[in-house]
Amino acid sequence: MANRVIEQGVHHIGMRSCNYEKTVRFYKEGLGFKTVLEWEWGDSGKACILDMGNGTCIEIGNDGEPELPPVGKFTHLALRTEDIEKAYERALAAGGRSKVPPTYSDVIQARPEPWKLWFAYVIGFDNEEIEFIQTVSDSFSARADDEV
């Protein structure tokens, strides 16, 4: 059953960048995101919203600082893919750094059944962690649809 409060999923995830141009280029060229909006404010402020391709977006602002303390508790951005190798290699070609190469995992302790997937991590220009997930068994999505 659909979530009655958040019926349409995630709209966007926001991040502050201290490497704005490189970060935007990385997400567009490396990960295939498309520009939805761009805007400026004040003397030098700018931001954009990029679509992942399914209506879920990331907002990038140039108001980051190298020593900016973490905000909240989010640890990484996880993106679904049908081709883990291609997603990983494309991100590296665009300047991302490898954290974990494509790796198979059979999470046998997952209940009600194991979760089988491939995953990989890359690091973006603002040290953000991006995880790619390619599921082998899609019971994860099916279970979410069944919950009340």
N, C-alpha and C. Protein backbone atom coordinates (compact mmCIF):
# COMPACT_ATOMS: atom_id res chain seq x y z
N MET A 1 0.84 -1.18 0.00
CA MET A 1 0.00 0.00 0.00
C MET A 1 0.89 1.24 0.00
N ALA A 2 0.50 2.25 -0.71
CA ALA A 2 1.30 3.47 -0.83
C ALA A 2 1.34 4.23 0.49
N ASN A 3 2.43 4.93 0.70
CA ASN A 3 2.58 5.80 1.86
C ASN A 3 1.58 6.93 1.71
N ARG A 4 0.73 7.15 2.68
CA ARG A 4 -0.34 8.14 2.58
C ARG A 4 0.14 9.57 2.82
N VAL A 5 1.32 9.74 3.38
CA VAL A 5 1.84 11.08 3.64
C VAL A 5 2.77 11.51 2.51
N ILE A 6 3.67 10.64 2.12
CA ILE A 6 4.64 10.94 1.07
C ILE A 6 4.30 10.04 -0.11
N GLU A 7 3.33 10.43 -0.89
CA GLU A 7 2.83 9.55 -1.95
C GLU A 7 3.67 9.57 -3.22
N GLN A 8 4.49 10.59 -3.42
CA GLN A 8 5.20 10.69 -4.68
C GLN A 8 6.71 10.50 -4.55
N GLY A 9 7.20 10.08 -3.41
CA GLY A 9 8.62 9.80 -3.26
C GLY A 9 9.46 11.03 -3.03
N VAL A 10 10.75 10.88 -3.21
CA VAL A 10 11.71 11.96 -2.98
C VAL A 10 11.65 12.95 -4.12
N HIS A 11 11.59 14.25 -3.80
CA HIS A 11 11.65 15.29 -4.84
C HIS A 11 13.10 15.61 -5.15
N HIS A 12 13.86 16.00 -4.12
CA HIS A 12 15.28 16.25 -4.34
C HIS A 12 16.08 16.10 -3.06
N ILE A 13 17.35 15.93 -3.24
CA ILE A 13 18.31 15.88 -2.16
C ILE A 13 19.23 17.07 -2.38
N GLY A 14 19.45 17.88 -1.36
CA GLY A 14 20.27 19.08 -1.51
C GLY A 14 21.68 18.90 -0.99
N MET A 15 22.62 19.55 -1.65
CA MET A 15 24.00 19.54 -1.17
C MET A 15 24.64 20.90 -1.40
N ARG A 16 25.59 21.23 -0.54
CA ARG A 16 26.37 22.46 -0.67
C ARG A 16 27.71 22.06 -1.28
N SER A 17 28.11 22.76 -2.31
CA SER A 17 29.34 22.43 -3.00
C SER A 17 30.38 23.54 -2.87
N CYS A 18 31.62 23.16 -2.65
CA CYS A 18 32.71 24.13 -2.70
C CYS A 18 33.49 23.96 -4.01
N ASN A 19 33.04 23.05 -4.86
CA ASN A 19 33.59 22.81 -6.19
C ASN A 19 32.44 22.77 -7.19
N TYR A 20 31.66 23.85 -7.22
CA TYR A 20 30.38 23.87 -7.93
C TYR A 20 30.48 23.42 -9.39
N GLU A 21 31.33 24.05 -10.18
CA GLU A 21 31.39 23.73 -11.61
C GLU A 21 31.78 22.27 -11.83
N LYS A 22 32.79 21.79 -11.11
CA LYS A 22 33.22 20.40 -11.26
C LYS A 22 32.12 19.44 -10.79
N THR A 23 31.46 19.79 -9.71
CA THR A 23 30.41 18.93 -9.18
C THR A 23 29.24 18.82 -10.15
N VAL A 24 28.79 19.95 -10.69
CA VAL A 24 27.69 19.93 -11.66
C VAL A 24 28.09 19.13 -12.89
N ARG A 25 29.28 19.35 -13.39
CA ARG A 25 29.76 18.61 -14.57
C ARG A 25 29.82 17.10 -14.28
N PHE A 26 30.27 16.73 -13.07
CA PHE A 26 30.35 15.33 -12.67
C PHE A 26 28.97 14.67 -12.71
N TYR A 27 27.98 15.32 -12.12
CA TYR A 27 26.63 14.74 -12.10
C TYR A 27 26.01 14.70 -13.49
N LYS A 28 26.28 15.69 -14.32
CA LYS A 28 25.70 15.73 -15.66
C LYS A 28 26.44 14.79 -16.61
N GLU A 29 27.74 14.94 -16.72
CA GLU A 29 28.50 14.14 -17.68
C GLU A 29 28.79 12.74 -17.17
N GLY A 30 29.11 12.63 -15.89
CA GLY A 30 29.47 11.34 -15.33
C GLY A 30 28.29 10.46 -15.00
N LEU A 31 27.22 11.06 -14.50
CA LEU A 31 26.08 10.27 -14.05
C LEU A 31 24.85 10.44 -14.93
N GLY A 32 24.90 11.33 -15.92
CA GLY A 32 23.81 11.47 -16.88
C GLY A 32 22.62 12.28 -16.41
N PHE A 33 22.76 13.08 -15.35
CA PHE A 33 21.65 13.90 -14.88
C PHE A 33 21.41 15.04 -15.87
N LYS A 34 20.20 15.57 -15.89
CA LYS A 34 19.82 16.67 -16.78
C LYS A 34 19.42 17.89 -15.96
N THR A 35 19.78 19.08 -16.45
CA THR A 35 19.43 20.33 -15.76
C THR A 35 17.94 20.60 -15.87
N VAL A 36 17.30 20.86 -14.73
CA VAL A 36 15.90 21.24 -14.67
C VAL A 36 15.80 22.75 -14.49
N LEU A 37 16.53 23.29 -13.52
CA LEU A 37 16.53 24.72 -13.19
C LEU A 37 17.92 25.17 -12.82
N GLU A 38 18.19 26.44 -13.06
CA GLU A 38 19.41 27.09 -12.58
C GLU A 38 19.00 28.47 -12.10
N TRP A 39 19.63 28.98 -11.04
CA TRP A 39 19.34 30.33 -10.58
C TRP A 39 20.56 30.91 -9.88
N GLU A 40 20.53 32.23 -9.73
CA GLU A 40 21.60 32.96 -9.06
C GLU A 40 20.99 33.88 -8.02
N TRP A 41 21.78 34.24 -7.02
CA TRP A 41 21.35 35.21 -6.01
C TRP A 41 22.58 35.99 -5.54
N GLY A 42 22.31 37.20 -5.08
CA GLY A 42 23.38 38.04 -4.57
C GLY A 42 24.49 38.26 -5.59
N ASP A 43 25.70 38.48 -5.08
CA ASP A 43 26.84 38.75 -5.96
C ASP A 43 27.40 37.50 -6.62
N SER A 44 27.36 36.36 -5.94
CA SER A 44 28.02 35.19 -6.50
C SER A 44 27.30 33.87 -6.25
N GLY A 45 26.11 33.91 -5.64
CA GLY A 45 25.41 32.68 -5.35
C GLY A 45 24.79 32.06 -6.58
N LYS A 46 24.89 30.75 -6.70
CA LYS A 46 24.20 30.06 -7.78
C LYS A 46 23.88 28.63 -7.35
N ALA A 47 22.87 28.09 -8.00
CA ALA A 47 22.43 26.74 -7.69
C ALA A 47 21.74 26.16 -8.91
N CYS A 48 21.54 24.85 -8.86
CA CYS A 48 20.80 24.19 -9.93
C CYS A 48 20.09 22.97 -9.35
N ILE A 49 19.08 22.54 -10.07
CA ILE A 49 18.42 21.28 -9.77
C ILE A 49 18.63 20.39 -10.98
N LEU A 50 19.14 19.19 -10.73
CA LEU A 50 19.41 18.22 -11.78
C LEU A 50 18.53 17.00 -11.57
N ASP A 51 17.93 16.52 -12.64
CA ASP A 51 17.04 15.35 -12.61
C ASP A 51 17.86 14.09 -12.87
N MET A 52 17.65 13.08 -12.03
CA MET A 52 18.34 11.81 -12.18
C MET A 52 17.83 11.02 -13.38
N GLY A 53 16.69 11.43 -13.94
CA GLY A 53 16.13 10.73 -15.09
C GLY A 53 14.78 10.13 -14.83
N ASN A 54 14.34 10.15 -13.57
CA ASN A 54 13.05 9.58 -13.22
C ASN A 54 12.19 10.55 -12.41
N GLY A 55 12.58 11.83 -12.43
CA GLY A 55 11.84 12.83 -11.67
C GLY A 55 12.41 13.10 -10.29
N THR A 56 13.32 12.26 -9.81
CA THR A 56 14.00 12.51 -8.55
C THR A 56 15.19 13.40 -8.84
N CYS A 57 15.39 14.43 -8.04
CA CYS A 57 16.40 15.44 -8.35
C CYS A 57 17.40 15.63 -7.22
N ILE A 58 18.52 16.25 -7.59
CA ILE A 58 19.51 16.70 -6.63
C ILE A 58 19.68 18.20 -6.85
N GLU A 59 19.72 18.95 -5.76
CA GLU A 59 19.95 20.39 -5.82
C GLU A 59 21.38 20.65 -5.37
N ILE A 60 22.13 21.39 -6.17
CA ILE A 60 23.51 21.71 -5.85
C ILE A 60 23.65 23.22 -5.75
N GLY A 61 24.15 23.70 -4.62
CA GLY A 61 24.41 25.12 -4.43
C GLY A 61 25.90 25.37 -4.27
N ASN A 62 26.35 26.55 -4.65
CA ASN A 62 27.78 26.85 -4.55
C ASN A 62 28.16 27.47 -3.21
N ASP A 63 27.33 27.27 -2.19
CA ASP A 63 27.58 27.90 -0.90
C ASP A 63 28.29 26.99 0.10
N GLY A 64 28.99 25.99 -0.40
CA GLY A 64 29.74 25.11 0.48
C GLY A 64 31.09 25.70 0.84
N GLU A 65 31.65 25.22 1.92
CA GLU A 65 32.97 25.62 2.37
C GLU A 65 33.76 24.35 2.65
N PRO A 66 35.06 24.35 2.36
CA PRO A 66 35.85 23.13 2.58
C PRO A 66 35.72 22.57 3.99
N GLU A 67 35.59 23.42 4.98
CA GLU A 67 35.51 22.97 6.37
C GLU A 67 34.08 22.98 6.90
N LEU A 68 33.11 22.99 6.00
CA LEU A 68 31.71 23.01 6.41
C LEU A 68 31.38 21.77 7.22
N PRO A 69 30.84 21.93 8.42
CA PRO A 69 30.49 20.76 9.22
C PRO A 69 29.34 20.00 8.56
N PRO A 70 29.27 18.70 8.81
CA PRO A 70 28.18 17.93 8.23
C PRO A 70 26.83 18.42 8.74
N VAL A 71 25.84 18.34 7.88
CA VAL A 71 24.48 18.74 8.22
C VAL A 71 23.65 17.47 8.29
N GLY A 72 23.01 17.22 9.40
CA GLY A 72 22.17 16.05 9.52
C GLY A 72 22.97 14.76 9.59
N LYS A 73 22.30 13.66 9.29
CA LYS A 73 22.93 12.36 9.43
C LYS A 73 22.95 11.54 8.15
N PHE A 74 22.62 12.13 7.02
CA PHE A 74 22.68 11.37 5.78
C PHE A 74 24.13 11.02 5.49
N THR A 75 24.37 9.78 5.07
CA THR A 75 25.74 9.33 4.84
C THR A 75 26.11 9.20 3.38
N HIS A 76 25.15 8.96 2.50
CA HIS A 76 25.46 8.80 1.09
C HIS A 76 24.20 8.90 0.25
N LEU A 77 24.40 9.07 -1.05
CA LEU A 77 23.32 9.09 -2.03
C LEU A 77 23.38 7.77 -2.77
N ALA A 78 22.33 6.96 -2.70
CA ALA A 78 22.30 5.66 -3.36
C ALA A 78 21.42 5.74 -4.60
N LEU A 79 21.98 5.33 -5.73
CA LEU A 79 21.29 5.39 -7.02
C LEU A 79 21.12 3.98 -7.58
N ARG A 80 19.91 3.68 -8.03
CA ARG A 80 19.66 2.39 -8.68
C ARG A 80 20.23 2.40 -10.09
N THR A 81 20.73 1.27 -10.53
CA THR A 81 21.23 1.13 -11.89
C THR A 81 20.97 -0.28 -12.39
N GLU A 82 20.87 -0.42 -13.69
CA GLU A 82 20.74 -1.74 -14.29
C GLU A 82 22.08 -2.26 -14.78
N ASP A 83 23.13 -1.40 -14.74
CA ASP A 83 24.46 -1.79 -15.20
C ASP A 83 25.50 -1.19 -14.26
N ILE A 84 25.86 -1.93 -13.23
CA ILE A 84 26.76 -1.44 -12.19
C ILE A 84 28.12 -1.05 -12.75
N GLU A 85 28.66 -1.86 -13.65
CA GLU A 85 29.98 -1.57 -14.23
C GLU A 85 29.97 -0.27 -15.01
N LYS A 86 28.94 -0.09 -15.83
CA LYS A 86 28.85 1.12 -16.66
C LYS A 86 28.70 2.37 -15.78
N ALA A 87 27.85 2.31 -14.77
CA ALA A 87 27.65 3.46 -13.88
C ALA A 87 28.94 3.81 -13.16
N TYR A 88 29.62 2.80 -12.65
CA TYR A 88 30.87 3.00 -11.91
C TYR A 88 31.95 3.59 -12.82
N GLU A 89 32.15 3.00 -13.99
CA GLU A 89 33.19 3.47 -14.92
C GLU A 89 32.89 4.88 -15.42
N ARG A 90 31.63 5.17 -15.68
CA ARG A 90 31.26 6.50 -16.15
C ARG A 90 31.56 7.55 -15.08
N ALA A 91 31.27 7.23 -13.83
CA ALA A 91 31.55 8.16 -12.73
C ALA A 91 33.05 8.39 -12.59
N LEU A 92 33.85 7.34 -12.71
CA LEU A 92 35.30 7.48 -12.62
C LEU A 92 35.84 8.31 -13.79
N ALA A 93 35.32 8.07 -14.99
CA ALA A 93 35.77 8.82 -16.17
C ALA A 93 35.47 10.31 -16.03
N ALA A 94 34.44 10.65 -15.27
CA ALA A 94 34.08 12.05 -15.07
C ALA A 94 34.84 12.69 -13.91
N GLY A 95 35.75 11.95 -13.29
CA GLY A 95 36.57 12.52 -12.23
C GLY A 95 36.25 12.03 -10.84
N GLY A 96 35.26 11.16 -10.69
CA GLY A 96 34.97 10.60 -9.38
C GLY A 96 36.11 9.69 -8.94
N ARG A 97 36.24 9.50 -7.64
CA ARG A 97 37.28 8.63 -7.09
C ARG A 97 36.63 7.35 -6.56
N SER A 98 37.29 6.25 -6.77
CA SER A 98 36.76 4.97 -6.31
C SER A 98 36.88 4.85 -4.80
N LYS A 99 35.81 4.38 -4.19
CA LYS A 99 35.86 4.01 -2.77
C LYS A 99 35.72 2.49 -2.66
N VAL A 100 34.71 1.94 -3.36
CA VAL A 100 34.50 0.49 -3.40
C VAL A 100 34.14 0.13 -4.83
N PRO A 101 34.94 -0.71 -5.49
CA PRO A 101 34.59 -1.12 -6.85
C PRO A 101 33.35 -2.01 -6.83
N PRO A 102 32.75 -2.28 -8.00
CA PRO A 102 31.56 -3.14 -8.02
C PRO A 102 31.81 -4.45 -7.26
N THR A 103 30.94 -4.70 -6.31
CA THR A 103 31.08 -5.83 -5.39
C THR A 103 29.74 -6.52 -5.23
N TYR A 104 29.75 -7.86 -5.26
CA TYR A 104 28.52 -8.61 -5.05
C TYR A 104 28.30 -8.81 -3.55
N SER A 105 27.04 -8.71 -3.14
CA SER A 105 26.69 -8.95 -1.74
C SER A 105 25.41 -9.75 -1.67
N ASP A 106 25.43 -10.76 -0.85
CA ASP A 106 24.25 -11.57 -0.58
C ASP A 106 23.96 -11.37 0.90
N VAL A 107 23.06 -10.43 1.21
CA VAL A 107 22.78 -10.08 2.60
C VAL A 107 21.86 -11.17 3.16
N ILE A 108 22.49 -12.25 3.63
CA ILE A 108 21.70 -13.42 4.04
C ILE A 108 20.90 -13.17 5.31
N GLN A 109 21.33 -12.21 6.12
CA GLN A 109 20.60 -11.93 7.36
C GLN A 109 19.36 -11.07 7.13
N ALA A 110 19.17 -10.56 5.91
CA ALA A 110 17.97 -9.75 5.62
C ALA A 110 16.73 -10.61 5.75
N ARG A 111 15.68 -10.06 6.29
CA ARG A 111 14.42 -10.78 6.48
C ARG A 111 13.30 -10.04 5.79
N PRO A 112 12.37 -10.67 5.15
CA PRO A 112 12.06 -12.08 5.24
C PRO A 112 12.89 -12.97 4.32
N GLU A 113 13.70 -12.42 3.44
CA GLU A 113 14.56 -13.25 2.58
C GLU A 113 15.83 -12.48 2.27
N PRO A 114 16.90 -13.18 1.86
CA PRO A 114 18.15 -12.50 1.55
C PRO A 114 17.99 -11.45 0.46
N TRP A 115 18.82 -10.42 0.55
CA TRP A 115 18.83 -9.35 -0.46
C TRP A 115 20.10 -9.53 -1.27
N LYS A 116 19.96 -9.79 -2.56
CA LYS A 116 21.11 -10.04 -3.43
C LYS A 116 21.32 -8.82 -4.32
N LEU A 117 22.53 -8.28 -4.29
CA LEU A 117 22.78 -7.06 -5.04
C LEU A 117 24.25 -6.91 -5.37
N TRP A 118 24.51 -6.05 -6.34
CA TRP A 118 25.84 -5.52 -6.63
C TRP A 118 25.84 -4.08 -6.14
N PHE A 119 26.95 -3.64 -5.56
CA PHE A 119 27.05 -2.24 -5.15
C PHE A 119 28.45 -1.73 -5.43
N ALA A 120 28.57 -0.41 -5.54
CA ALA A 120 29.86 0.26 -5.72
C ALA A 120 29.73 1.66 -5.14
N TYR A 121 30.85 2.21 -4.70
CA TYR A 121 30.87 3.58 -4.17
C TYR A 121 31.91 4.40 -4.91
N VAL A 122 31.56 5.64 -5.23
CA VAL A 122 32.51 6.62 -5.73
C VAL A 122 32.40 7.87 -4.87
N ILE A 123 33.45 8.68 -4.90
CA ILE A 123 33.50 9.92 -4.14
C ILE A 123 33.48 11.07 -5.14
N GLY A 124 32.56 12.02 -4.95
CA GLY A 124 32.45 13.18 -5.83
C GLY A 124 33.42 14.29 -5.44
N PHE A 125 33.35 15.41 -6.14
CA PHE A 125 34.29 16.51 -5.94
C PHE A 125 34.14 17.22 -4.60
N ASP A 126 33.04 17.02 -3.91
CA ASP A 126 32.85 17.61 -2.58
C ASP A 126 32.94 16.55 -1.49
N ASN A 127 33.60 15.45 -1.82
CA ASN A 127 33.76 14.31 -0.91
C ASN A 127 32.44 13.65 -0.54
N GLU A 128 31.40 13.86 -1.36
CA GLU A 128 30.14 13.16 -1.11
C GLU A 128 30.26 11.73 -1.62
N GLU A 129 29.65 10.81 -0.89
CA GLU A 129 29.67 9.41 -1.28
C GLU A 129 28.44 9.09 -2.11
N ILE A 130 28.66 8.45 -3.24
CA ILE A 130 27.58 8.04 -4.13
C ILE A 130 27.66 6.53 -4.27
N GLU A 131 26.58 5.86 -3.94
CA GLU A 131 26.53 4.40 -4.05
C GLU A 131 25.67 4.04 -5.24
N PHE A 132 26.13 3.08 -6.02
CA PHE A 132 25.32 2.50 -7.09
C PHE A 132 24.86 1.14 -6.62
N ILE A 133 23.57 0.84 -6.86
CA ILE A 133 23.01 -0.45 -6.47
C ILE A 133 22.34 -1.08 -7.68
N GLN A 134 22.72 -2.33 -7.95
CA GLN A 134 22.06 -3.13 -8.98
C GLN A 134 21.54 -4.38 -8.28
N THR A 135 20.22 -4.47 -8.14
CA THR A 135 19.65 -5.60 -7.43
C THR A 135 19.61 -6.83 -8.32
N VAL A 136 19.86 -7.97 -7.70
CA VAL A 136 19.77 -9.26 -8.39
C VAL A 136 18.38 -9.83 -8.15
N SER A 137 17.91 -9.72 -6.92
CA SER A 137 16.54 -10.09 -6.59
C SER A 137 15.85 -8.83 -6.10
N ASP A 138 14.69 -8.53 -6.63
CA ASP A 138 14.05 -7.26 -6.33
C ASP A 138 13.01 -7.37 -5.23
N SER A 139 13.24 -8.28 -4.28
CA SER A 139 12.28 -8.43 -3.18
C SER A 139 12.24 -7.18 -2.31
N PHE A 140 13.31 -6.39 -2.33
CA PHE A 140 13.37 -5.16 -1.53
C PHE A 140 12.24 -4.22 -1.93
N SER A 141 12.05 -3.99 -3.23
CA SER A 141 10.98 -3.10 -3.71
C SER A 141 9.61 -3.72 -3.48
N ALA A 142 9.50 -5.01 -3.68
CA ALA A 142 8.21 -5.67 -3.51
C ALA A 142 7.74 -5.56 -2.07
N ARG A 143 8.65 -5.70 -1.10
CA ARG A 143 8.27 -5.60 0.31
C ARG A 143 7.78 -4.20 0.64
N ALA A 144 8.41 -3.17 0.10
CA ALA A 144 8.00 -1.80 0.38
C ALA A 144 6.58 -1.56 -0.13
N ASP A 145 6.23 -2.15 -1.27
CA ASP A 145 4.89 -1.98 -1.82
C ASP A 145 3.82 -2.67 -0.98
N ASP A 146 4.21 -3.73 -0.26
CA ASP A 146 3.25 -4.50 0.53
C ASP A 146 2.96 -3.89 1.89
N GLU A 147 3.82 -3.00 2.38
CA GLU A 147 3.63 -2.44 3.72
C GLU A 147 2.46 -1.47 3.78
N VAL A 148 1.84 -1.39 4.94
CA VAL A 148 0.69 -0.50 5.13
C VAL A 148 1.15 0.86 5.55
